Amino acid sequence: MHFIRTFLKKHRAILIALCAIGAFWAYFSARYKIGIAYDAQLPCIDAKLVIIDKWDTDVPVGSLATFRMNKENEFFPKGIMWTKIVAAKQGMEVDVQFDKVIVDGKKEYNIGFEYLLKHTSQTESDVIRKLTVAENSYFMVGETITSYDSRYWGEVDQKDIIGKAYVVF
């Protein structure tokens, strides 16, 4: 017993530091997830590493969100994590044009689809359309011409949102 008391007294600062580090790690890993770019050769957003806040799933328009891709598509397996920009939420009007996406008649995302359309089985008429985002859904876009996003596979359900994403680099 004397040995334990002496050990605790002598190493108290180290033990407190280890407990603090353990508590921080438990909190961090419960709340956050780290995301790494799936294919750095064909990026859809300007980020290679993101931190995802799993406790913040009501992501505002204009922010990055990470979600599980639970839709059948031509290029990627179901269930993988994707990070895109929330362009529109439920009730918002989306106008997908050849060279841009317009939300509620004002916000524009200047991303054409000519490059990606050459690599998919979809046609221009499959992609160009006007829609109202459904309840509990998000319309997602990327930042580059290689972005495979809601223009091609539709909206993301709220239940598939993992959390708000923050670019590290």
C-alpha atoms as a PDB file:
ATOM      1  CA  MET A   1       0.000   0.000   0.000  1.00  0.00           C
ATOM      2  CA  HIS A   2       2.859   2.342   0.838  1.00  0.00           C
ATOM      3  CA  PHE A   3       4.391   1.661  -2.593  1.00  0.00           C
ATOM      4  CA  ILE A   4       1.147   2.613  -4.399  1.00  0.00           C
ATOM      5  CA  ARG A   5       0.756   5.801  -2.370  1.00  0.00           C
ATOM      6  CA  THR A   6       4.365   6.779  -3.050  1.00  0.00           C
ATOM      7  CA  PHE A   7       4.031   5.980  -6.758  1.00  0.00           C
ATOM      8  CA  LEU A   8       0.824   8.040  -7.075  1.00  0.00           C
ATOM      9  CA  LYS A   9       2.358  10.972  -5.227  1.00  0.00           C
ATOM     10  CA  LYS A  10       5.540  10.892  -7.313  1.00  0.00           C
ATOM     11  CA  HIS A  11       3.793  10.518 -10.698  1.00  0.00           C
ATOM     12  CA  ARG A  12       0.599  12.501 -10.059  1.00  0.00           C
ATOM     13  CA  ALA A  13       1.249  15.069 -12.812  1.00  0.00           C
ATOM     14  CA  ILE A  14       1.905  12.378 -15.416  1.00  0.00           C
ATOM     15  CA  LEU A  15      -1.193  10.412 -14.398  1.00  0.00           C
ATOM     16  CA  ILE A  16      -3.368  13.542 -14.548  1.00  0.00           C
ATOM     17  CA  ALA A  17      -1.954  14.384 -17.989  1.00  0.00           C
ATOM     18  CA  LEU A  18      -2.631  10.842 -19.243  1.00  0.00           C
ATOM     19  CA  CYS A  19      -6.204  10.967 -17.921  1.00  0.00           C
ATOM     20  CA  ALA A  20      -6.747  14.357 -19.607  1.00  0.00           C
ATOM     21  CA  ILE A  21      -5.373  13.052 -22.908  1.00  0.00           C
ATOM     22  CA  GLY A  22      -7.577   9.966 -22.641  1.00  0.00           C
ATOM     23  CA  ALA A  23     -10.668  12.073 -21.910  1.00  0.00           C
ATOM     24  CA  PHE A  24      -9.889  14.392 -24.833  1.00  0.00           C
ATOM     25  CA  TRP A  25      -9.376  11.430 -27.186  1.00  0.00           C
ATOM     26  CA  ALA A  26     -12.651   9.833 -26.069  1.00  0.00           C
ATOM     27  CA  TYR A  27     -14.509  13.113 -26.714  1.00  0.00           C
ATOM     28  CA  PHE A  28     -12.769  13.760 -30.049  1.00  0.00           C
ATOM     29  CA  SER A  29     -13.342  10.265 -31.428  1.00  0.00           C
ATOM     30  CA  ALA A  30     -17.002  10.283 -30.339  1.00  0.00           C
ATOM     31  CA  ARG A  31     -17.683  13.638 -31.994  1.00  0.00           C
ATOM     32  CA  TYR A  32     -15.339  13.801 -34.989  1.00  0.00           C
ATOM     33  CA  LYS A  33     -14.280  11.623 -37.878  1.00  0.00           C
ATOM     34  CA  ILE A  34     -11.426  12.223 -40.304  1.00  0.00           C
ATOM     35  CA  GLY A  35     -12.093  11.991 -44.042  1.00  0.00           C
ATOM     36  CA  ILE A  36      -9.432  11.517 -46.706  1.00  0.00           C
ATOM     37  CA  ALA A  37      -9.992  12.207 -50.424  1.00  0.00           C
ATOM     38  CA  TYR A  38     -11.127   9.031 -52.200  1.00  0.00           C
ATOM     39  CA  ASP A  39      -9.470   9.856 -55.526  1.00  0.00           C
ATOM     40  CA  ALA A  40      -7.021  12.758 -55.469  1.00  0.00           C
ATOM     41  CA  GLN A  41      -6.586  12.468 -59.261  1.00  0.00           C
ATOM     42  CA  LEU A  42     -10.225  13.468 -59.908  1.00  0.00           C
ATOM     43  CA  PRO A  43     -11.197  15.758 -57.035  1.00  0.00           C
ATOM     44  CA  CYS A  44     -14.699  17.157 -56.695  1.00  0.00           C
ATOM     45  CA  ILE A  45     -13.840  19.652 -53.949  1.00  0.00           C
ATOM     46  CA  ASP A  46     -10.588  21.433 -53.191  1.00  0.00           C
ATOM     47  CA  ALA A  47      -9.662  19.314 -50.161  1.00  0.00           C
ATOM     48  CA  LYS A  48      -7.565  16.269 -49.430  1.00  0.00           C
ATOM     49  CA  LEU A  49      -8.359  15.970 -45.712  1.00  0.00           C
ATOM     50  CA  VAL A  50     -11.493  17.000 -43.798  1.00  0.00           C
ATOM     51  CA  ILE A  51     -12.651  16.769 -40.206  1.00  0.00           C
ATOM     52  CA  ILE A  52     -16.303  15.755 -39.897  1.00  0.00           C
ATOM     53  CA  ASP A  53     -18.411  16.903 -36.944  1.00  0.00           C
ATOM     54  CA  LYS A  54     -20.758  13.936 -36.420  1.00  0.00           C
ATOM     55  CA  TRP A  55     -22.839  15.893 -33.886  1.00  0.00           C
ATOM     56  CA  ASP A  56     -23.698  18.608 -36.448  1.00  0.00           C
ATOM     57  CA  THR A  57     -25.965  16.922 -39.013  1.00  0.00           C
ATOM     58  CA  ASP A  58     -28.163  19.918 -39.902  1.00  0.00           C
ATOM     59  CA  VAL A  59     -25.680  21.394 -42.365  1.00  0.00           C
ATOM     60  CA  PRO A  60     -26.466  24.870 -43.751  1.00  0.00           C
ATOM     61  CA  VAL A  61     -26.489  25.717 -47.457  1.00  0.00           C
ATOM     62  CA  GLY A  62     -23.016  26.650 -48.676  1.00  0.00           C
ATOM     63  CA  SER A  63     -21.221  24.430 -46.160  1.00  0.00           C
ATOM     64  CA  LEU A  64     -19.507  21.118 -46.727  1.00  0.00           C
ATOM     65  CA  ALA A  65     -21.277  17.961 -45.611  1.00  0.00           C
ATOM     66  CA  THR A  66     -20.065  14.385 -45.495  1.00  0.00           C
ATOM     67  CA  PHE A  67     -22.619  11.680 -46.214  1.00  0.00           C
ATOM     68  CA  ARG A  68     -22.939   7.996 -47.035  1.00  0.00           C
ATOM     69  CA  MET A  69     -23.585   7.476 -50.728  1.00  0.00           C
ATOM     70  CA  ASN A  70     -26.551   5.121 -50.610  1.00  0.00           C
ATOM     71  CA  LYS A  71     -27.616   5.467 -54.228  1.00  0.00           C
ATOM     72  CA  GLU A  72     -26.782   3.141 -57.080  1.00  0.00           C
ATOM     73  CA  ASN A  73     -24.424   4.899 -59.478  1.00  0.00           C
ATOM     74  CA  GLU A  74     -22.035   4.118 -62.304  1.00  0.00           C
ATOM     75  CA  PHE A  75     -18.703   4.712 -60.610  1.00  0.00           C
ATOM     76  CA  PHE A  76     -18.620   4.081 -56.871  1.00  0.00           C
ATOM     77  CA  PRO A  77     -19.823   1.405 -54.441  1.00  0.00           C
ATOM     78  CA  LYS A  78     -22.779   2.153 -52.186  1.00  0.00           C
ATOM     79  CA  GLY A  79     -21.996   3.101 -48.613  1.00  0.00           C
ATOM     80  CA  ILE A  80     -18.758   5.032 -49.072  1.00  0.00           C
ATOM     81  CA  MET A  81     -18.366   8.487 -47.523  1.00  0.00           C
ATOM     82  CA  TRP A  82     -18.513  11.514 -49.804  1.00  0.00           C
ATOM     83  CA  THR A  83     -17.973  15.184 -49.027  1.00  0.00           C
ATOM     84  CA  LYS A  84     -19.732  17.819 -51.122  1.00  0.00           C
ATOM     85  CA  ILE A  85     -21.128  21.346 -50.860  1.00  0.00           C
ATOM     86  CA  VAL A  86     -24.740  21.655 -49.708  1.00  0.00           C
ATOM     87  CA  ALA A  87     -26.165  23.674 -52.612  1.00  0.00           C
ATOM     88  CA  ALA A  88     -29.825  23.435 -51.555  1.00  0.00           C
ATOM     89  CA  LYS A  89     -32.067  21.999 -48.841  1.00  0.00           C
ATOM     90  CA  GLN A  90     -35.715  20.964 -48.737  1.00  0.00           C
ATOM     91  CA  GLY A  91     -38.122  23.316 -50.485  1.00  0.00           C
ATOM     92  CA  MET A  92     -35.444  25.185 -52.438  1.00  0.00           C
ATOM     93  CA  GLU A  93     -35.649  25.455 -56.233  1.00  0.00           C
ATOM     94  CA  VAL A  94     -32.707  24.076 -58.235  1.00  0.00           C
ATOM     95  CA  ASP A  95     -32.133  24.827 -61.922  1.00  0.00           C
ATOM     96  CA  VAL A  96     -29.442  22.576 -63.422  1.00  0.00           C
ATOM     97  CA  GLN A  97     -28.110  24.146 -66.609  1.00  0.00           C
ATOM     98  CA  PHE A  98     -25.300  23.132 -68.957  1.00  0.00           C
ATOM     99  CA  ASP A  99     -22.622  25.274 -67.315  1.00  0.00           C
ATOM    100  CA  LYS A 100     -24.014  26.009 -63.846  1.00  0.00           C
ATOM    101  CA  VAL A 101     -26.470  25.206 -61.081  1.00  0.00           C
ATOM    102  CA  ILE A 102     -28.755  28.022 -59.904  1.00  0.00           C
ATOM    103  CA  VAL A 103     -30.471  27.831 -56.518  1.00  0.00           C
ATOM    104  CA  ASP A 104     -33.629  29.868 -55.800  1.00  0.00           C
ATOM    105  CA  GLY A 105     -32.868  32.080 -58.807  1.00  0.00           C
ATOM    106  CA  LYS A 106     -29.831  33.711 -57.168  1.00  0.00           C
ATOM    107  CA  LYS A 107     -26.988  31.522 -55.916  1.00  0.00           C
ATOM    108  CA  GLU A 108     -24.891  30.101 -58.757  1.00  0.00           C
ATOM    109  CA  TYR A 109     -22.426  27.239 -58.781  1.00  0.00           C
ATOM    110  CA  ASN A 110     -20.405  27.532 -61.985  1.00  0.00           C
ATOM    111  CA  ILE A 111     -19.687  23.898 -62.711  1.00  0.00           C
ATOM    112  CA  GLY A 112     -20.267  22.546 -66.171  1.00  0.00           C
ATOM    113  CA  PHE A 113     -20.823  18.884 -66.879  1.00  0.00           C
ATOM    114  CA  GLU A 114     -19.389  18.518 -70.377  1.00  0.00           C
ATOM    115  CA  TYR A 115     -16.274  16.656 -69.143  1.00  0.00           C
ATOM    116  CA  LEU A 116     -18.067  14.170 -66.897  1.00  0.00           C
ATOM    117  CA  LEU A 117     -20.927  13.585 -69.333  1.00  0.00           C
ATOM    118  CA  LYS A 118     -18.389  12.022 -71.731  1.00  0.00           C
ATOM    119  CA  HIS A 119     -17.641   9.357 -69.107  1.00  0.00           C
ATOM    120  CA  THR A 120     -21.167   8.384 -68.068  1.00  0.00           C
ATOM    121  CA  SER A 121     -24.089   6.705 -69.774  1.00  0.00           C
ATOM    122  CA  GLN A 122     -26.305   9.714 -69.044  1.00  0.00           C
ATOM    123  CA  THR A 123     -27.236  12.277 -71.653  1.00  0.00           C
ATOM    124  CA  GLU A 124     -27.491  16.041 -71.431  1.00  0.00           C
ATOM    125  CA  SER A 125     -31.281  15.799 -71.166  1.00  0.00           C
ATOM    126  CA  ASP A 126     -30.912  13.461 -68.161  1.00  0.00           C
ATOM    127  CA  VAL A 127     -28.958  16.125 -66.289  1.00  0.00           C
ATOM    128  CA  ILE A 128     -30.486  19.468 -67.328  1.00  0.00           C
ATOM    129  CA  ARG A 129     -33.662  19.997 -65.304  1.00  0.00           C
ATOM    130  CA  LYS A 130     -35.485  22.077 -62.721  1.00  0.00           C
ATOM    131  CA  LEU A 131     -36.537  20.612 -59.393  1.00  0.00           C
ATOM    132  CA  THR A 132     -37.675  21.400 -55.880  1.00  0.00           C
ATOM    133  CA  VAL A 133     -35.583  19.671 -53.222  1.00  0.00           C
ATOM    134  CA  ALA A 134     -37.699  17.092 -51.394  1.00  0.00           C
ATOM    135  CA  GLU A 135     -38.427  17.110 -47.670  1.00  0.00           C
ATOM    136  CA  ASN A 136     -35.464  16.030 -45.501  1.00  0.00           C
ATOM    137  CA  SER A 137     -33.139  16.090 -48.508  1.00  0.00           C
ATOM    138  CA  TYR A 138     -30.070  17.925 -49.767  1.00  0.00           C
ATOM    139  CA  PHE A 139     -28.872  18.794 -53.276  1.00  0.00           C
ATOM    140  CA  MET A 140     -25.077  18.459 -53.293  1.00  0.00           C
ATOM    141  CA  VAL A 141     -22.472  19.839 -55.716  1.00  0.00           C
ATOM    142  CA  GLY A 142     -18.709  19.827 -56.076  1.00  0.00           C
ATOM    143  CA  GLU A 143     -16.305  22.550 -57.168  1.00  0.00           C
ATOM    144  CA  THR A 144     -14.722  21.000 -60.248  1.00  0.00           C
ATOM    145  CA  ILE A 145     -15.672  19.715 -63.687  1.00  0.00           C
ATOM    146  CA  THR A 146     -15.005  16.174 -62.448  1.00  0.00           C
ATOM    147  CA  SER A 147     -17.585  16.403 -59.664  1.00  0.00           C
ATOM    148  CA  TYR A 148     -20.042  13.515 -59.741  1.00  0.00           C
ATOM    149  CA  ASP A 149     -22.846  15.017 -57.677  1.00  0.00           C
ATOM    150  CA  SER A 150     -26.611  15.475 -57.279  1.00  0.00           C
ATOM    151  CA  ARG A 151     -26.916  16.571 -60.897  1.00  0.00           C
ATOM    152  CA  TYR A 152     -26.293  12.933 -61.848  1.00  0.00           C
ATOM    153  CA  TRP A 153     -27.683  10.821 -58.998  1.00  0.00           C
ATOM    154  CA  GLY A 154     -30.219  13.030 -57.235  1.00  0.00           C
ATOM    155  CA  GLU A 155     -30.678  14.248 -53.694  1.00  0.00           C
ATOM    156  CA  VAL A 156     -29.132  12.999 -50.456  1.00  0.00           C
ATOM    157  CA  ASP A 157     -31.469  11.953 -47.634  1.00  0.00           C
ATOM    158  CA  GLN A 158     -31.007  13.655 -44.260  1.00  0.00           C
ATOM    159  CA  LYS A 159     -30.539  10.221 -42.660  1.00  0.00           C
ATOM    160  CA  ASP A 160     -27.406   9.687 -44.796  1.00  0.00           C
ATOM    161  CA  ILE A 161     -25.682  12.871 -43.566  1.00  0.00           C
ATOM    162  CA  ILE A 162     -22.745  12.015 -41.309  1.00  0.00           C
ATOM    163  CA  GLY A 163     -21.971  15.614 -40.393  1.00  0.00           C
ATOM    164  CA  LYS A 164     -20.643  19.027 -41.289  1.00  0.00           C
ATOM    165  CA  ALA A 165     -17.139  18.883 -42.777  1.00  0.00           C
ATOM    166  CA  TYR A 166     -14.237  21.282 -42.313  1.00  0.00           C
ATOM    167  CA  VAL A 167     -11.269  21.377 -44.707  1.00  0.00           C
ATOM    168  CA  VAL A 168      -7.894  20.760 -43.064  1.00  0.00           C
ATOM    169  CA  PHE A 169      -5.945  20.945 -46.339  1.00  0.00           C
END
